[in-house]
Amino acid sequence: MKRLMMITQSPEATMAFAQKLADKLLAGDVITLEGDLGAGKTSFTKGLALGLGIKRVVKSPTFTIIREYKGRLPLYHMDVYRLNEEEEDLGFDEYFHGDGVTVVEWASLIEGRLPPVRLAITITHAGENERQLSFTAYGERWEEVLKELLDHEDVSD
């Protein structure tokens, strides 16, 4: 498991990084997002969507739990914040091992259901418009993807 960190200077910079990451995504990839309200989780997902060629406006799936978008790869955007333990299984495995990319906001709430290979990102406020993105790569592929993407960025181990 490799951990890296970077700072973005604006919401646009956060989206631009996510757009670069989208070029590396494959079917079955899972990205988890953690962060306070307003930290930039949905902005990050909007950048991924742009990079996947998705034309629809990406909105937080807060009340719907899962939103699906069609692009180069399907994007499954989940917000599990309001998911109750009692709720039936929403088919997480079908999404996590399916033909698209799954982004899960508030993923710590379903930790036991997450696949072992994934990219975990925590976004925190580092200033008025600055955000700190902390990456944890679970799996060799994600370590390689991060190394390639962050080679020229301001990154810390």
N, C-alpha and C. Protein backbone atom coordinates (compact mmCIF):
# COMPACT_ATOMS: atom_id res chain seq x y z
N MET A 1 0.86 -1.17 0.00
CA MET A 1 0.00 0.00 0.00
C MET A 1 0.90 1.23 0.00
N LYS A 2 0.73 2.07 -0.98
CA LYS A 2 1.54 3.29 -1.14
C LYS A 2 0.66 4.50 -0.87
N ARG A 3 1.20 5.48 -0.13
CA ARG A 3 0.47 6.72 0.16
C ARG A 3 1.24 7.90 -0.41
N LEU A 4 0.51 8.77 -1.09
CA LEU A 4 1.07 9.98 -1.67
C LEU A 4 0.12 11.13 -1.41
N MET A 5 0.63 12.36 -1.59
CA MET A 5 -0.19 13.54 -1.34
C MET A 5 0.18 14.63 -2.34
N MET A 6 -0.81 15.45 -2.69
CA MET A 6 -0.57 16.61 -3.53
C MET A 6 -1.52 17.72 -3.12
N ILE A 7 -1.18 18.95 -3.49
CA ILE A 7 -2.03 20.12 -3.24
C ILE A 7 -2.48 20.67 -4.58
N THR A 8 -3.78 20.97 -4.69
CA THR A 8 -4.27 21.69 -5.86
C THR A 8 -4.65 23.10 -5.42
N GLN A 9 -4.54 24.03 -6.32
CA GLN A 9 -4.72 25.45 -6.00
C GLN A 9 -6.14 25.97 -6.22
N SER A 10 -6.99 25.16 -6.87
CA SER A 10 -8.35 25.62 -7.20
C SER A 10 -9.22 24.41 -7.52
N PRO A 11 -10.54 24.61 -7.51
CA PRO A 11 -11.43 23.51 -7.93
C PRO A 11 -11.12 23.06 -9.36
N GLU A 12 -10.77 24.01 -10.21
CA GLU A 12 -10.44 23.68 -11.60
C GLU A 12 -9.20 22.79 -11.68
N ALA A 13 -8.22 23.06 -10.82
CA ALA A 13 -7.00 22.25 -10.80
C ALA A 13 -7.29 20.84 -10.29
N THR A 14 -8.20 20.74 -9.33
CA THR A 14 -8.60 19.42 -8.83
C THR A 14 -9.29 18.64 -9.94
N MET A 15 -10.18 19.31 -10.67
CA MET A 15 -10.88 18.66 -11.78
C MET A 15 -9.90 18.27 -12.89
N ALA A 16 -8.92 19.12 -13.16
CA ALA A 16 -7.94 18.84 -14.22
C ALA A 16 -7.12 17.60 -13.87
N PHE A 17 -6.73 17.46 -12.59
CA PHE A 17 -6.00 16.26 -12.19
C PHE A 17 -6.88 15.02 -12.37
N ALA A 18 -8.13 15.11 -11.96
CA ALA A 18 -9.05 13.98 -12.10
C ALA A 18 -9.25 13.61 -13.56
N GLN A 19 -9.26 14.62 -14.42
CA GLN A 19 -9.41 14.38 -15.85
C GLN A 19 -8.21 13.59 -16.38
N LYS A 20 -7.00 13.91 -15.91
CA LYS A 20 -5.81 13.13 -16.30
C LYS A 20 -5.91 11.69 -15.80
N LEU A 21 -6.39 11.54 -14.57
CA LEU A 21 -6.55 10.20 -14.00
C LEU A 21 -7.52 9.38 -14.85
N ALA A 22 -8.56 10.00 -15.36
CA ALA A 22 -9.57 9.30 -16.15
C ALA A 22 -8.96 8.60 -17.37
N ASP A 23 -7.90 9.18 -17.93
CA ASP A 23 -7.23 8.56 -19.08
C ASP A 23 -6.64 7.20 -18.75
N LYS A 24 -6.37 6.96 -17.47
CA LYS A 24 -5.74 5.71 -17.04
C LYS A 24 -6.75 4.66 -16.56
N LEU A 25 -8.03 5.03 -16.49
CA LEU A 25 -9.02 4.14 -15.90
C LEU A 25 -9.40 2.98 -16.81
N LEU A 26 -9.68 1.85 -16.16
CA LEU A 26 -10.09 0.63 -16.84
C LEU A 26 -11.41 0.14 -16.25
N ALA A 27 -12.11 -0.68 -16.99
CA ALA A 27 -13.35 -1.28 -16.48
C ALA A 27 -13.04 -2.03 -15.19
N GLY A 28 -13.90 -1.84 -14.20
CA GLY A 28 -13.73 -2.50 -12.92
C GLY A 28 -12.94 -1.70 -11.90
N ASP A 29 -12.42 -0.53 -12.30
CA ASP A 29 -11.68 0.30 -11.35
C ASP A 29 -12.63 0.90 -10.32
N VAL A 30 -12.14 0.98 -9.08
CA VAL A 30 -12.91 1.55 -7.98
C VAL A 30 -12.07 2.64 -7.32
N ILE A 31 -12.68 3.81 -7.19
CA ILE A 31 -12.04 4.95 -6.53
C ILE A 31 -12.94 5.35 -5.38
N THR A 32 -12.37 5.47 -4.20
CA THR A 32 -13.14 5.92 -3.05
C THR A 32 -12.74 7.34 -2.69
N LEU A 33 -13.72 8.13 -2.28
CA LEU A 33 -13.49 9.52 -1.93
C LEU A 33 -14.00 9.80 -0.52
N GLU A 34 -13.14 10.40 0.27
CA GLU A 34 -13.50 10.83 1.62
C GLU A 34 -13.19 12.31 1.72
N GLY A 35 -13.87 13.00 2.60
CA GLY A 35 -13.63 14.41 2.82
C GLY A 35 -14.86 15.08 3.39
N ASP A 36 -14.65 16.18 4.07
CA ASP A 36 -15.76 16.92 4.64
C ASP A 36 -16.69 17.42 3.55
N LEU A 37 -17.89 17.84 3.95
CA LEU A 37 -18.81 18.48 3.01
C LEU A 37 -18.11 19.68 2.38
N GLY A 38 -18.21 19.80 1.08
CA GLY A 38 -17.61 20.92 0.38
C GLY A 38 -16.12 20.80 0.13
N ALA A 39 -15.54 19.65 0.43
CA ALA A 39 -14.10 19.48 0.23
C ALA A 39 -13.74 19.35 -1.25
N GLY A 40 -14.66 18.83 -2.07
CA GLY A 40 -14.38 18.71 -3.49
C GLY A 40 -14.56 17.31 -4.05
N LYS A 41 -15.27 16.45 -3.33
CA LYS A 41 -15.47 15.08 -3.82
C LYS A 41 -16.25 15.07 -5.15
N THR A 42 -17.32 15.84 -5.21
CA THR A 42 -18.10 15.86 -6.44
C THR A 42 -17.35 16.58 -7.55
N SER A 43 -16.60 17.62 -7.23
CA SER A 43 -15.77 18.29 -8.25
C SER A 43 -14.76 17.33 -8.83
N PHE A 44 -14.15 16.51 -7.98
CA PHE A 44 -13.21 15.51 -8.45
C PHE A 44 -13.91 14.56 -9.43
N THR A 45 -15.11 14.12 -9.06
CA THR A 45 -15.86 13.20 -9.91
C THR A 45 -16.25 13.87 -11.23
N LYS A 46 -16.55 15.15 -11.21
CA LYS A 46 -16.84 15.88 -12.45
C LYS A 46 -15.64 15.85 -13.38
N GLY A 47 -14.44 15.99 -12.83
CA GLY A 47 -13.22 15.91 -13.63
C GLY A 47 -13.05 14.53 -14.25
N LEU A 48 -13.31 13.49 -13.46
CA LEU A 48 -13.25 12.13 -14.00
C LEU A 48 -14.23 11.98 -15.16
N ALA A 49 -15.45 12.49 -14.96
CA ALA A 49 -16.47 12.39 -15.99
C ALA A 49 -16.03 13.08 -17.28
N LEU A 50 -15.46 14.27 -17.16
CA LEU A 50 -14.96 14.96 -18.35
C LEU A 50 -13.91 14.11 -19.07
N GLY A 51 -13.01 13.53 -18.29
CA GLY A 51 -11.96 12.69 -18.87
C GLY A 51 -12.49 11.43 -19.51
N LEU A 52 -13.65 10.98 -19.07
CA LEU A 52 -14.28 9.79 -19.66
C LEU A 52 -15.20 10.16 -20.83
N GLY A 53 -15.27 11.44 -21.16
CA GLY A 53 -16.09 11.88 -22.29
C GLY A 53 -17.57 11.96 -21.98
N ILE A 54 -17.92 12.09 -20.72
CA ILE A 54 -19.32 12.17 -20.32
C ILE A 54 -19.82 13.60 -20.53
N LYS A 55 -20.92 13.73 -21.22
CA LYS A 55 -21.47 15.04 -21.56
C LYS A 55 -22.47 15.56 -20.53
N ARG A 56 -23.15 14.64 -19.82
CA ARG A 56 -24.16 15.05 -18.84
C ARG A 56 -23.53 15.76 -17.66
N VAL A 57 -24.31 16.61 -17.02
CA VAL A 57 -23.86 17.30 -15.81
C VAL A 57 -23.82 16.29 -14.67
N VAL A 58 -22.68 16.23 -13.99
CA VAL A 58 -22.53 15.32 -12.86
C VAL A 58 -23.00 16.03 -11.60
N LYS A 59 -23.91 15.38 -10.90
CA LYS A 59 -24.44 15.92 -9.64
C LYS A 59 -24.15 14.92 -8.53
N SER A 60 -24.08 15.41 -7.32
CA SER A 60 -23.89 14.51 -6.19
C SER A 60 -25.11 13.60 -6.06
N PRO A 61 -24.87 12.30 -5.90
CA PRO A 61 -26.00 11.37 -5.76
C PRO A 61 -26.49 11.23 -4.32
N THR A 62 -26.44 12.31 -3.57
CA THR A 62 -26.74 12.28 -2.14
C THR A 62 -28.05 11.57 -1.82
N PHE A 63 -29.11 11.88 -2.52
CA PHE A 63 -30.41 11.31 -2.19
C PHE A 63 -30.77 10.10 -3.04
N THR A 64 -30.06 9.88 -4.14
CA THR A 64 -30.36 8.74 -5.00
C THR A 64 -29.40 7.58 -4.76
N ILE A 65 -28.34 7.80 -4.06
CA ILE A 65 -27.28 6.86 -3.72
C ILE A 65 -26.39 6.53 -4.92
N ILE A 66 -26.96 6.19 -6.08
CA ILE A 66 -26.14 5.85 -7.24
C ILE A 66 -26.65 6.59 -8.47
N ARG A 67 -25.73 7.24 -9.18
CA ARG A 67 -26.03 7.84 -10.48
C ARG A 67 -25.12 7.18 -11.51
N GLU A 68 -25.67 6.91 -12.68
CA GLU A 68 -24.91 6.27 -13.74
C GLU A 68 -24.78 7.21 -14.92
N TYR A 69 -23.58 7.24 -15.51
CA TYR A 69 -23.28 8.10 -16.65
C TYR A 69 -22.60 7.27 -17.73
N LYS A 70 -22.89 7.58 -18.99
CA LYS A 70 -22.28 6.87 -20.11
C LYS A 70 -21.17 7.71 -20.73
N GLY A 71 -20.02 7.08 -20.92
CA GLY A 71 -18.87 7.71 -21.55
C GLY A 71 -17.99 6.63 -22.15
N ARG A 72 -16.69 6.92 -22.31
CA ARG A 72 -15.74 5.91 -22.80
C ARG A 72 -15.90 4.63 -22.00
N LEU A 73 -16.06 4.79 -20.71
CA LEU A 73 -16.44 3.73 -19.79
C LEU A 73 -17.64 4.26 -19.00
N PRO A 74 -18.57 3.40 -18.60
CA PRO A 74 -19.64 3.88 -17.73
C PRO A 74 -19.04 4.36 -16.40
N LEU A 75 -19.64 5.40 -15.84
CA LEU A 75 -19.23 5.91 -14.54
C LEU A 75 -20.38 5.69 -13.57
N TYR A 76 -20.10 4.99 -12.48
CA TYR A 76 -21.09 4.75 -11.43
C TYR A 76 -20.67 5.58 -10.23
N HIS A 77 -21.43 6.61 -9.96
CA HIS A 77 -21.11 7.57 -8.89
C HIS A 77 -22.02 7.30 -7.71
N MET A 78 -21.44 6.87 -6.60
CA MET A 78 -22.21 6.51 -5.41
C MET A 78 -21.91 7.48 -4.28
N ASP A 79 -22.95 7.79 -3.52
CA ASP A 79 -22.80 8.53 -2.28
C ASP A 79 -23.52 7.68 -1.23
N VAL A 80 -22.75 7.02 -0.37
CA VAL A 80 -23.34 6.08 0.57
C VAL A 80 -23.56 6.69 1.95
N TYR A 81 -23.48 8.02 2.03
CA TYR A 81 -23.63 8.70 3.32
C TYR A 81 -24.95 8.37 4.01
N ARG A 82 -26.02 8.31 3.26
CA ARG A 82 -27.34 8.07 3.84
C ARG A 82 -27.77 6.60 3.79
N LEU A 83 -26.87 5.75 3.39
CA LEU A 83 -27.17 4.32 3.32
C LEU A 83 -27.25 3.74 4.72
N ASN A 84 -28.36 3.07 5.01
CA ASN A 84 -28.53 2.43 6.31
C ASN A 84 -28.00 1.00 6.24
N GLU A 85 -27.44 0.52 7.34
CA GLU A 85 -26.97 -0.86 7.40
C GLU A 85 -28.09 -1.84 7.09
N GLU A 86 -29.32 -1.46 7.46
CA GLU A 86 -30.45 -2.36 7.27
C GLU A 86 -30.86 -2.49 5.80
N GLU A 87 -30.43 -1.51 4.99
CA GLU A 87 -30.87 -1.54 3.59
C GLU A 87 -30.30 -2.76 2.89
N GLU A 88 -31.09 -3.25 1.93
CA GLU A 88 -30.64 -4.42 1.19
C GLU A 88 -29.40 -4.09 0.37
N ASP A 89 -28.68 -5.11 -0.01
CA ASP A 89 -27.48 -4.94 -0.82
C ASP A 89 -27.89 -4.29 -2.15
N LEU A 90 -27.21 -3.23 -2.51
CA LEU A 90 -27.55 -2.50 -3.73
C LEU A 90 -26.79 -3.03 -4.95
N GLY A 91 -26.23 -4.21 -4.83
CA GLY A 91 -25.50 -4.79 -5.95
C GLY A 91 -24.10 -4.21 -6.09
N PHE A 92 -23.47 -3.91 -4.96
CA PHE A 92 -22.13 -3.31 -5.00
C PHE A 92 -21.16 -4.15 -5.84
N ASP A 93 -21.19 -5.47 -5.67
CA ASP A 93 -20.25 -6.32 -6.41
C ASP A 93 -20.42 -6.18 -7.92
N GLU A 94 -21.66 -6.03 -8.38
CA GLU A 94 -21.89 -5.88 -9.82
C GLU A 94 -21.26 -4.58 -10.33
N TYR A 95 -21.34 -3.53 -9.53
CA TYR A 95 -20.70 -2.28 -9.91
C TYR A 95 -19.18 -2.39 -9.81
N PHE A 96 -18.69 -2.89 -8.68
CA PHE A 96 -17.24 -2.94 -8.44
C PHE A 96 -16.50 -3.83 -9.43
N HIS A 97 -17.16 -4.86 -9.93
CA HIS A 97 -16.51 -5.79 -10.84
C HIS A 97 -17.13 -5.75 -12.23
N GLY A 98 -17.81 -4.65 -12.54
CA GLY A 98 -18.54 -4.54 -13.80
C GLY A 98 -17.72 -3.92 -14.92
N ASP A 99 -18.44 -3.34 -15.87
CA ASP A 99 -17.83 -2.83 -17.09
C ASP A 99 -17.48 -1.34 -17.01
N GLY A 100 -17.63 -0.75 -15.83
CA GLY A 100 -17.37 0.67 -15.70
C GLY A 100 -16.44 1.00 -14.57
N VAL A 101 -16.40 2.28 -14.25
CA VAL A 101 -15.59 2.82 -13.15
C VAL A 101 -16.56 3.22 -12.05
N THR A 102 -16.25 2.82 -10.82
CA THR A 102 -17.10 3.16 -9.69
C THR A 102 -16.39 4.15 -8.78
N VAL A 103 -17.08 5.24 -8.48
CA VAL A 103 -16.59 6.24 -7.52
C VAL A 103 -17.53 6.20 -6.33
N VAL A 104 -16.97 6.03 -5.13
CA VAL A 104 -17.78 5.92 -3.93
C VAL A 104 -17.41 7.04 -2.96
N GLU A 105 -18.36 7.96 -2.74
CA GLU A 105 -18.16 9.00 -1.74
C GLU A 105 -18.58 8.45 -0.38
N TRP A 106 -17.84 8.83 0.68
CA TRP A 106 -18.08 8.37 2.05
C TRP A 106 -17.88 6.86 2.14
N ALA A 107 -16.91 6.34 1.43
CA ALA A 107 -16.68 4.90 1.32
C ALA A 107 -16.38 4.22 2.64
N SER A 108 -15.87 4.96 3.62
CA SER A 108 -15.55 4.34 4.91
C SER A 108 -16.80 3.73 5.56
N LEU A 109 -17.97 4.20 5.16
CA LEU A 109 -19.22 3.68 5.72
C LEU A 109 -19.56 2.28 5.22
N ILE A 110 -18.92 1.86 4.12
CA ILE A 110 -19.14 0.50 3.60
C ILE A 110 -17.80 -0.22 3.44
N GLU A 111 -16.86 0.09 4.29
CA GLU A 111 -15.49 -0.46 4.21
C GLU A 111 -15.48 -1.97 3.96
N GLY A 112 -16.31 -2.71 4.66
CA GLY A 112 -16.31 -4.17 4.52
C GLY A 112 -16.80 -4.67 3.18
N ARG A 113 -17.43 -3.81 2.41
CA ARG A 113 -17.96 -4.22 1.09
C ARG A 113 -17.03 -3.81 -0.06
N LEU A 114 -16.02 -3.02 0.23
CA LEU A 114 -15.13 -2.51 -0.82
C LEU A 114 -14.18 -3.59 -1.31
N PRO A 115 -13.83 -3.55 -2.60
CA PRO A 115 -12.85 -4.53 -3.11
C PRO A 115 -11.45 -4.22 -2.56
N PRO A 116 -10.61 -5.21 -2.44
CA PRO A 116 -9.27 -5.00 -1.89
C PRO A 116 -8.38 -4.13 -2.79
N VAL A 117 -8.60 -4.17 -4.10
CA VAL A 117 -7.81 -3.36 -5.03
C VAL A 117 -8.63 -2.13 -5.39
N ARG A 118 -8.10 -0.96 -4.99
CA ARG A 118 -8.81 0.29 -5.24
C ARG A 118 -7.87 1.45 -4.99
N LEU A 119 -8.31 2.63 -5.41
CA LEU A 119 -7.60 3.86 -5.12
C LEU A 119 -8.45 4.66 -4.14
N ALA A 120 -7.89 4.92 -2.97
CA ALA A 120 -8.59 5.71 -1.95
C ALA A 120 -8.03 7.13 -1.96
N ILE A 121 -8.93 8.11 -2.01
CA ILE A 121 -8.53 9.51 -2.04
C ILE A 121 -9.27 10.24 -0.92
N THR A 122 -8.50 10.98 -0.13
CA THR A 122 -9.09 11.84 0.89
C THR A 122 -8.79 13.28 0.49
N ILE A 123 -9.83 14.10 0.42
CA ILE A 123 -9.69 15.49 0.03
C ILE A 123 -9.99 16.36 1.25
N THR A 124 -9.04 17.24 1.57
CA THR A 124 -9.22 18.14 2.71
C THR A 124 -8.91 19.57 2.30
N HIS A 125 -9.50 20.51 3.03
CA HIS A 125 -9.23 21.93 2.80
C HIS A 125 -7.79 22.23 3.23
N ALA A 126 -7.05 22.92 2.37
CA ALA A 126 -5.68 23.33 2.69
C ALA A 126 -5.56 24.85 2.61
N GLY A 127 -6.66 25.51 2.39
CA GLY A 127 -6.73 26.95 2.22
C GLY A 127 -8.09 27.27 1.62
N GLU A 128 -8.31 28.53 1.31
CA GLU A 128 -9.62 28.93 0.79
C GLU A 128 -10.01 28.12 -0.45
N ASN A 129 -9.12 28.07 -1.43
CA ASN A 129 -9.38 27.31 -2.65
C ASN A 129 -8.48 26.10 -2.80
N GLU A 130 -7.46 25.99 -1.97
CA GLU A 130 -6.52 24.88 -2.07
C GLU A 130 -7.10 23.63 -1.44
N ARG A 131 -6.76 22.49 -2.02
CA ARG A 131 -7.17 21.20 -1.49
C ARG A 131 -5.96 20.29 -1.42
N GLN A 132 -5.91 19.52 -0.35
CA GLN A 132 -4.90 18.48 -0.23
C GLN A 132 -5.56 17.18 -0.63
N LEU A 133 -4.97 16.49 -1.59
CA LEU A 133 -5.45 15.19 -2.03
C LEU A 133 -4.46 14.16 -1.53
N SER A 134 -4.94 13.27 -0.68
CA SER A 134 -4.10 12.19 -0.14
C SER A 134 -4.55 10.89 -0.79
N PHE A 135 -3.60 10.20 -1.39
CA PHE A 135 -3.89 8.99 -2.15
C PHE A 135 -3.34 7.77 -1.42
N THR A 136 -4.14 6.72 -1.34
CA THR A 136 -3.67 5.44 -0.86
C THR A 136 -3.96 4.43 -1.96
N ALA A 137 -2.88 3.86 -2.49
CA ALA A 137 -3.00 2.88 -3.57
C ALA A 137 -3.08 1.49 -2.97
N TYR A 138 -4.20 0.83 -3.17
CA TYR A 138 -4.36 -0.56 -2.77
C TYR A 138 -4.17 -1.40 -4.02
N GLY A 139 -3.01 -1.94 -4.19
CA GLY A 139 -2.71 -2.76 -5.36
C GLY A 139 -1.62 -2.13 -6.21
N GLU A 140 -0.86 -3.01 -6.84
CA GLU A 140 0.29 -2.59 -7.64
C GLU A 140 -0.10 -1.69 -8.81
N ARG A 141 -1.21 -1.99 -9.47
CA ARG A 141 -1.64 -1.17 -10.61
C ARG A 141 -1.83 0.28 -10.19
N TRP A 142 -2.49 0.50 -9.04
CA TRP A 142 -2.73 1.86 -8.59
C TRP A 142 -1.43 2.55 -8.20
N GLU A 143 -0.48 1.81 -7.66
CA GLU A 143 0.82 2.40 -7.35
C GLU A 143 1.49 2.91 -8.62
N GLU A 144 1.41 2.11 -9.68
CA GLU A 144 2.00 2.50 -10.97
C GLU A 144 1.27 3.71 -11.57
N VAL A 145 -0.05 3.71 -11.51
CA VAL A 145 -0.83 4.82 -12.04
C VAL A 145 -0.46 6.12 -11.32
N LEU A 146 -0.42 6.07 -9.99
CA LEU A 146 -0.08 7.27 -9.22
C LEU A 146 1.33 7.75 -9.52
N LYS A 147 2.27 6.83 -9.60
CA LYS A 147 3.65 7.21 -9.90
C LYS A 147 3.72 7.95 -11.24
N GLU A 148 3.04 7.40 -12.23
CA GLU A 148 3.04 8.01 -13.56
C GLU A 148 2.39 9.40 -13.54
N LEU A 149 1.24 9.52 -12.88
CA LEU A 149 0.51 10.78 -12.87
C LEU A 149 1.16 11.85 -12.00
N LEU A 150 1.74 11.43 -10.89
CA LEU A 150 2.25 12.40 -9.93
C LEU A 150 3.74 12.68 -10.10
N ASP A 151 4.36 12.09 -11.10
CA ASP A 151 5.79 12.30 -11.34
C ASP A 151 6.19 13.77 -11.43
N HIS A 152 5.33 14.58 -12.03
CA HIS A 152 5.65 15.99 -12.25
C HIS A 152 4.87 16.92 -11.33
N GLU A 153 4.15 16.36 -10.39
CA GLU A 153 3.35 17.15 -9.46
C GLU A 153 4.14 17.36 -8.17
N ASP A 154 3.64 18.26 -7.32
CA ASP A 154 4.21 18.48 -5.98
C ASP A 154 3.65 17.39 -5.07
N VAL A 155 4.46 16.35 -4.84
CA VAL A 155 3.98 15.15 -4.16
C VAL A 155 4.86 14.83 -2.95
N SER A 156 4.22 14.33 -1.90
CA SER A 156 4.94 13.87 -0.71
C SER A 156 4.58 12.43 -0.42
N ASP A 157 5.53 11.67 0.11
CA ASP A 157 5.24 10.30 0.59
C ASP A 157 4.70 10.37 1.99
